[in-house]
Protein backbone atom coordinates (compact mmCIF):
# COMPACT_ATOMS: atom_id res chain seq x y z
CA MET A 1 90.10 66.23 46.42
CA GLU A 2 86.76 64.94 46.57
CA ILE A 3 83.67 67.20 47.59
CA GLN A 4 80.66 65.36 48.76
CA HIS A 5 77.25 66.99 48.59
CA ASN A 6 74.39 66.74 51.00
CA LYS A 7 76.36 64.66 53.46
CA LEU A 8 74.77 63.25 56.51
CA LEU A 9 76.64 64.41 59.72
CA ARG A 10 75.16 62.06 62.37
CA ASP A 11 78.51 60.03 62.32
CA TYR A 12 80.61 63.30 62.62
CA ASN A 13 79.26 64.84 65.82
CA THR A 14 79.35 63.01 69.26
CA PHE A 15 75.77 64.29 70.00
CA GLY A 16 74.75 61.98 67.12
CA VAL A 17 72.10 64.59 66.13
CA GLN A 18 70.98 64.35 62.41
CA ALA A 19 72.01 67.16 60.15
CA THR A 20 73.22 67.54 56.50
CA ALA A 21 76.05 69.64 55.07
CA ARG A 22 75.63 71.04 51.63
CA GLU A 23 79.27 70.37 51.01
CA PHE A 24 81.68 68.07 53.00
CA ILE A 25 85.51 67.80 52.35
CA ASP A 26 87.86 65.55 54.41
CA ILE A 27 91.39 67.09 54.50
CA LYS A 28 94.20 64.64 54.89
CA ASP A 29 97.12 66.68 53.70
CA GLU A 30 97.59 70.28 54.53
CA LYS A 31 98.28 71.05 50.89
CA GLN A 32 94.72 70.42 50.02
CA LEU A 33 93.83 73.58 52.23
CA LEU A 34 95.75 75.69 49.58
CA ASP A 35 93.45 73.96 46.80
CA LEU A 36 90.42 75.11 48.94
CA TYR A 37 91.64 78.54 49.24
CA ASN A 38 92.55 78.97 45.48
CA ALA A 39 89.09 77.39 44.76
CA GLY A 40 87.32 80.18 46.75
CA ILE A 41 85.87 77.81 49.48
CA PHE A 42 86.90 80.10 52.26
CA GLN A 43 85.15 83.19 50.80
CA LYS A 44 81.88 81.12 51.57
CA LYS A 45 80.22 79.85 54.46
CA PHE A 46 82.40 76.98 56.11
CA PHE A 47 83.01 75.48 59.33
CA VAL A 48 85.91 73.20 60.59
CA ILE A 49 85.54 70.10 62.64
CA GLY A 50 87.95 67.40 63.98
CA GLY A 51 86.22 64.88 66.32
CA GLY A 52 83.05 66.63 66.30
CA SER A 53 83.01 66.46 70.14
CA ASN A 54 82.47 70.17 70.66
CA VAL A 55 79.77 71.04 68.20
CA LEU A 56 75.89 71.07 68.35
CA PHE A 57 74.03 71.00 65.01
CA THR A 58 70.58 72.76 65.45
CA GLN A 59 69.71 72.69 61.69
CA ASP A 60 71.26 71.53 58.33
CA PHE A 61 74.49 73.47 57.50
CA ASP A 62 74.09 75.45 54.34
CA GLY A 63 77.97 75.72 53.59
CA THR A 64 80.98 73.66 53.59
CA ILE A 65 82.04 71.32 56.55
CA ILE A 66 85.96 70.96 56.53
CA LYS A 67 86.89 67.83 58.55
CA ILE A 68 90.82 67.83 59.39
CA SER A 69 92.05 64.14 59.32
CA ASN A 70 95.86 64.52 58.83
CA LYS A 71 97.81 62.19 60.97
CA GLY A 72 101.36 61.73 62.51
CA ILE A 73 103.21 62.15 65.78
CA GLN A 74 106.89 62.65 66.28
CA HIS A 75 109.09 63.90 69.21
CA PHE A 76 112.69 64.76 70.08
CA ILE A 77 114.49 65.25 73.36
CA GLU A 78 116.74 68.38 74.29
CA GLY A 79 118.20 68.12 77.60
CA SER A 80 115.39 67.55 80.11
CA ASN A 81 112.76 69.09 77.51
CA ILE A 82 110.69 66.90 75.34
CA PHE A 83 109.09 68.43 72.17
CA ILE A 84 106.26 66.62 70.62
CA THR A 85 104.60 67.74 67.27
CA ALA A 86 101.28 66.12 66.60
CA ALA A 87 98.98 66.59 63.52
CA GLY A 88 95.52 68.27 63.96
CA GLY A 89 93.70 65.20 63.06
CA GLU A 90 95.15 62.84 65.53
CA ILE A 91 92.97 61.80 68.40
CA TRP A 92 93.88 63.68 71.57
CA ASN A 93 93.61 60.66 73.79
CA ASP A 94 95.98 58.90 71.39
CA LEU A 95 98.61 61.45 71.83
CA VAL A 96 98.22 61.40 75.70
CA TRP A 97 99.07 57.67 75.55
CA TYR A 98 101.80 58.15 73.21
CA CYS A 99 103.45 60.26 75.90
CA VAL A 100 102.28 57.80 78.66
CA ASP A 101 103.89 54.93 77.07
CA ARG A 102 107.19 56.70 76.77
CA SER A 103 107.14 58.23 80.16
CA PHE A 104 106.69 61.55 79.02
CA PRO A 105 104.89 63.65 81.83
CA GLY A 106 102.52 66.44 81.41
CA LEU A 107 99.36 65.28 79.51
CA GLU A 108 98.34 62.45 81.70
CA ASN A 109 95.73 64.37 83.61
CA MET A 110 94.02 65.15 80.40
CA ALA A 111 93.48 61.62 79.48
CA LEU A 112 90.37 60.60 77.70
CA ILE A 113 89.23 64.26 76.72
CA PRO A 114 87.42 63.78 73.65
CA GLY A 115 88.25 65.42 70.32
CA THR A 116 91.27 65.90 68.42
CA VAL A 117 94.79 67.68 68.59
CA GLY A 118 93.81 70.57 66.35
CA ALA A 119 91.13 71.51 68.84
CA SER A 120 93.34 71.57 71.74
CA PRO A 121 94.69 75.08 71.40
CA ILE A 122 91.25 76.49 70.34
CA GLN A 123 89.36 75.28 73.39
CA ASN A 124 92.55 75.47 75.62
CA ILE A 125 91.40 72.37 76.91
CA GLY A 126 91.92 70.98 80.38
CA ALA A 127 91.05 68.65 83.16
CA TYR A 128 92.07 67.65 86.77
CA GLY A 129 94.32 70.62 87.29
CA ALA A 130 96.07 70.59 84.04
CA GLU A 131 95.60 72.99 81.07
CA LEU A 132 96.83 73.03 77.42
CA MET A 133 98.15 76.63 77.76
CA ASN A 134 100.82 75.10 80.12
CA VAL A 135 102.24 72.68 77.91
CA MET A 136 101.58 73.98 74.34
CA TYR A 137 104.94 75.34 72.79
CA THR A 138 103.80 76.39 69.33
CA CYS A 139 100.86 75.53 66.80
CA ARG A 140 100.99 75.92 63.01
CA ALA A 141 97.81 77.05 61.45
CA PHE A 142 96.42 77.80 58.06
CA ASP A 143 94.91 81.43 57.52
CA THR A 144 91.81 81.29 55.45
CA LEU A 145 92.02 84.88 54.67
CA THR A 146 95.48 85.02 53.03
CA GLY A 147 96.03 81.39 52.21
CA GLN A 148 99.32 81.37 54.19
CA PHE A 149 100.50 79.08 57.02
CA LYS A 150 101.64 80.81 60.20
CA THR A 151 103.39 79.52 63.15
CA PHE A 152 101.81 80.91 66.73
CA SER A 153 103.89 80.97 69.83
CA ASN A 154 102.05 80.22 73.26
CA GLN A 155 101.75 83.86 74.08
CA GLU A 156 100.52 84.82 70.74
CA CYS A 157 97.47 82.36 71.30
CA GLY A 158 96.13 84.60 73.91
CA PHE A 159 95.06 81.76 76.10
CA SER A 160 92.57 82.28 78.85
CA TYR A 161 89.95 79.70 80.50
CA ARG A 162 88.75 77.49 77.81
CA ASP A 163 89.40 80.05 75.42
CA SER A 164 91.99 81.43 72.85
CA ILE A 165 92.38 84.02 69.95
CA PHE A 166 91.10 81.12 67.62
CA LYS A 167 87.89 81.07 69.47
CA SER A 168 87.44 84.66 70.08
CA LYS A 169 88.75 87.46 67.97
CA CYS A 170 90.04 85.32 65.28
CA ALA A 171 87.26 82.80 65.24
CA GLY A 172 86.86 80.93 62.10
CA ARG A 173 89.85 82.39 60.57
CA TYR A 174 92.79 79.91 61.26
CA ILE A 175 92.80 76.07 60.84
CA VAL A 176 95.13 74.41 63.14
CA ILE A 177 97.43 71.91 61.33
CA THR A 178 99.90 70.73 63.89
CA VAL A 179 100.56 71.45 67.49
CA THR A 180 104.15 71.31 69.44
CA TYR A 181 103.93 70.55 73.08
CA LYS A 182 107.00 71.14 75.50
CA LEU A 183 107.02 68.69 78.35
CA HIS A 184 109.69 68.17 80.83
CA LEU A 185 111.34 64.79 81.85
CA ASN A 186 111.65 65.67 85.51
CA ALA A 187 107.92 67.44 85.75
CA SER A 188 106.05 66.68 89.10
CA LEU A 189 103.06 64.58 89.07
CA ASN A 190 99.80 66.39 89.79
CA THR A 191 97.28 64.12 91.92
CA SER A 192 95.79 66.92 94.24
CA TYR A 193 92.80 67.88 91.90
CA GLY A 194 89.26 66.05 92.04
CA ALA A 195 89.27 62.43 93.14
CA ILE A 196 92.62 61.49 91.82
CA ASP A 197 94.25 61.00 95.32
CA ALA A 198 91.42 59.10 96.45
CA GLU A 199 91.30 56.74 93.70
CA LEU A 200 95.04 56.10 94.06
CA ALA A 201 94.45 55.37 97.78
CA LYS A 202 91.64 53.06 96.97
CA ARG A 203 94.13 51.01 94.70
CA ASN A 204 96.67 51.18 97.38
CA ILE A 205 99.21 53.18 95.07
CA THR A 206 101.45 55.49 97.16
CA GLN A 207 103.98 56.18 94.33
CA PRO A 208 101.94 56.81 91.27
CA THR A 209 103.66 56.71 87.84
CA ILE A 210 102.43 58.59 84.84
CA LYS A 211 100.61 55.69 83.55
CA ASP A 212 98.93 55.31 86.95
CA ILE A 213 97.56 59.05 86.89
CA ALA A 214 96.20 58.27 83.23
CA GLN A 215 94.67 55.23 84.24
CA VAL A 216 92.90 56.94 87.34
CA VAL A 217 91.85 59.85 85.41
CA SER A 218 90.40 57.75 82.65
CA HIS A 219 88.51 55.71 85.31
CA ILE A 220 87.05 58.88 86.98
CA ARG A 221 85.89 60.24 83.63
CA VAL A 222 84.20 56.91 82.68
CA GLU A 223 82.54 56.76 86.07
CA LYS A 224 81.29 60.37 85.92
CA LEU A 225 80.87 61.00 81.98
CA PRO A 226 78.83 58.96 79.26
CA ASP A 227 80.56 57.38 76.49
CA PRO A 228 79.81 59.34 73.33
CA SER A 229 80.08 56.14 71.45
CA THR A 230 77.11 54.81 73.04
CA ILE A 231 75.26 57.96 74.51
CA GLY A 232 75.40 61.08 72.40
CA ASN A 233 77.03 64.03 74.44
CA ALA A 234 79.83 66.72 73.90
CA GLY A 235 81.20 66.25 77.45
CA SER A 236 80.91 69.56 79.53
CA PHE A 237 78.35 71.56 77.93
CA PHE A 238 79.04 74.63 80.02
CA LYS A 239 82.13 76.51 81.21
CA ASN A 240 82.52 76.98 84.91
CA PRO A 241 81.84 80.48 85.54
CA ILE A 242 84.44 82.97 86.92
CA ILE A 243 82.89 85.31 89.51
CA LEU A 244 84.04 88.15 91.72
CA ASN A 245 84.88 87.06 95.27
CA THR A 246 82.50 89.62 96.57
CA GLN A 247 79.51 88.07 94.87
CA LEU A 248 80.91 84.59 95.93
CA GLU A 249 80.73 85.76 99.46
CA GLN A 250 77.11 86.66 99.05
CA LEU A 251 76.31 83.35 97.91
CA LYS A 252 77.99 81.59 100.59
CA LEU A 253 75.71 83.43 103.01
CA ASP A 254 72.74 81.22 101.56
CA CYS A 255 74.70 78.37 100.23
CA PRO A 256 77.67 77.72 102.47
CA GLU A 257 78.22 74.36 100.75
CA ILE A 258 78.98 76.05 97.12
CA VAL A 259 81.78 74.38 95.31
CA PHE A 260 84.40 76.77 94.16
CA PHE A 261 88.17 77.02 93.40
CA PRO A 262 90.09 80.33 94.06
CA ILE A 263 91.75 81.89 91.19
CA ASP A 264 93.23 84.96 92.60
CA GLU A 265 92.47 87.68 95.37
CA HIS A 266 89.57 89.18 93.15
CA ASN A 267 87.93 86.11 91.43
CA SER A 268 87.02 82.42 91.82
CA LYS A 269 85.70 79.73 89.62
CA VAL A 270 82.40 78.19 90.63
CA ALA A 271 81.37 74.63 89.80
CA ALA A 272 78.97 74.83 86.75
CA GLY A 273 77.70 71.31 87.59
CA TRP A 274 76.94 72.20 91.15
CA LEU A 275 74.96 75.29 90.13
CA ILE A 276 72.98 73.20 87.65
CA GLU A 277 72.41 70.32 90.16
CA GLN A 278 71.02 72.77 92.83
CA CYS A 279 68.38 73.93 90.14
CA GLY A 280 67.16 70.55 89.98
CA TRP A 281 68.67 69.52 86.57
CA LYS A 282 70.76 66.58 87.45
CA GLY A 283 69.04 63.43 86.03
CA LYS A 284 66.12 65.30 84.41
CA GLU A 285 64.84 64.20 81.16
CA ILE A 286 62.75 66.31 78.73
CA GLY A 287 61.78 64.03 75.78
CA GLU A 288 64.82 62.66 74.03
CA VAL A 289 67.29 64.96 75.88
CA ALA A 290 68.66 64.33 79.48
CA VAL A 291 70.94 65.97 81.88
CA TRP A 292 73.41 63.26 82.78
CA LYS A 293 72.55 61.35 86.16
CA ASN A 294 76.20 61.49 87.38
CA GLN A 295 77.40 64.94 86.31
CA ALA A 296 74.98 67.83 85.73
CA LEU A 297 77.46 69.57 83.28
CA VAL A 298 76.69 67.14 80.61
CA ILE A 299 73.54 67.14 78.28
CA THR A 300 72.84 63.90 76.50
CA ASN A 301 70.99 62.76 73.50
CA LYS A 302 68.91 59.76 74.53
CA GLY A 303 68.80 58.73 70.79
CA MET A 304 66.45 60.74 68.72
CA ALA A 305 66.86 64.17 70.05
CA THR A 306 67.23 67.12 67.41
CA GLY A 307 69.95 69.64 67.91
CA ALA A 308 67.35 72.26 68.34
CA GLU A 309 65.87 70.39 71.34
CA ILE A 310 69.17 70.04 73.10
CA PHE A 311 69.64 73.55 72.60
CA LEU A 312 66.38 74.51 74.05
CA VAL A 313 67.09 72.48 77.29
CA SER A 314 70.45 74.41 77.37
CA GLU A 315 68.61 77.80 77.21
CA GLN A 316 66.30 76.58 80.08
CA ILE A 317 69.42 75.61 82.24
CA ILE A 318 71.01 78.94 81.71
CA THR A 319 67.74 80.64 82.84
CA SER A 320 67.30 78.45 85.79
CA VAL A 321 70.93 79.22 87.04
CA LEU A 322 70.69 82.92 86.25
CA ASN A 323 67.32 83.12 88.14
CA LYS A 324 68.64 81.40 91.38
CA PHE A 325 72.27 82.64 91.64
CA ASN A 326 72.60 85.44 89.24
CA ILE A 327 75.26 83.58 87.40
CA LYS A 328 75.04 83.39 83.36
CA LEU A 329 76.40 80.26 82.31
CA GLU A 330 78.43 80.08 78.92
CA ARG A 331 78.53 77.23 76.68
CA GLU A 332 81.60 75.49 75.82
CA VAL A 333 80.08 73.71 72.91
CA ASN A 334 79.72 75.70 69.39
CA ILE A 335 76.39 76.03 68.29
CA LEU A 336 75.56 75.66 64.55
């Protein structure tokens, strides 16, 4: 197991910001985690990354960066249920297309979400009316406190909107090694969210397949979101805030066009991108940092921005939205 020192991290975060890790270890086999545990690495400062699509380095990291790179996807079918187990280091979109190519429904609405399989239960990723929590069966993780492997059921993960126990009360403790998803051969396709129906109609598709949905979602994402391989970004920088319906009704008096999604009789989710756009941030540039011209949820690195500069712009956005709407935005991105 190779430990690299003073490792440059520009190629390991989708923001493309420059930072250095004191130590860097690439994990390709879960047994290496036991070696790290026995070597006392987890008793010191460490942080785990997959695709680096949900992290912003605001300074050099004075500890160990552990990159999860294990690979492998397998499945079996039991009746109408499909169980798919993927290694944490697999690219999420590769897993989506593994399913699409085999006509396994359930993940197609989450096509082109950046990142790796291991991050999917941590973030409870979701897009276009689909969420990880509705398809994850179990996940296997390494406990950095005990050196043991543990399998978590869906319920044990404590999922909520873009959150789980791995991100909240157990943050930093567990490293997700594999995830098993439970899909259904007869699942209905979901085309009602966002612009999916409109794009299908534009293509004269009246009876869409799983592949059609995945292609349309990918097209919409490419149209709205910058490609991290050419423009540094981490996708949606902020969560869509959940507010009380009583507050929403007050906001609608002044802003009847506010974009929201009902959750239950007491709460609604407000589109963070709409809030940010109303504060004049869409397309705005400050030095090497820019808010994306097609989607105000996305902060981009024009090329030479530092993580600290990107963080500062995010602070200014949060303050603007709070002052105008009395809603405090939360970041989806991990700040280091």
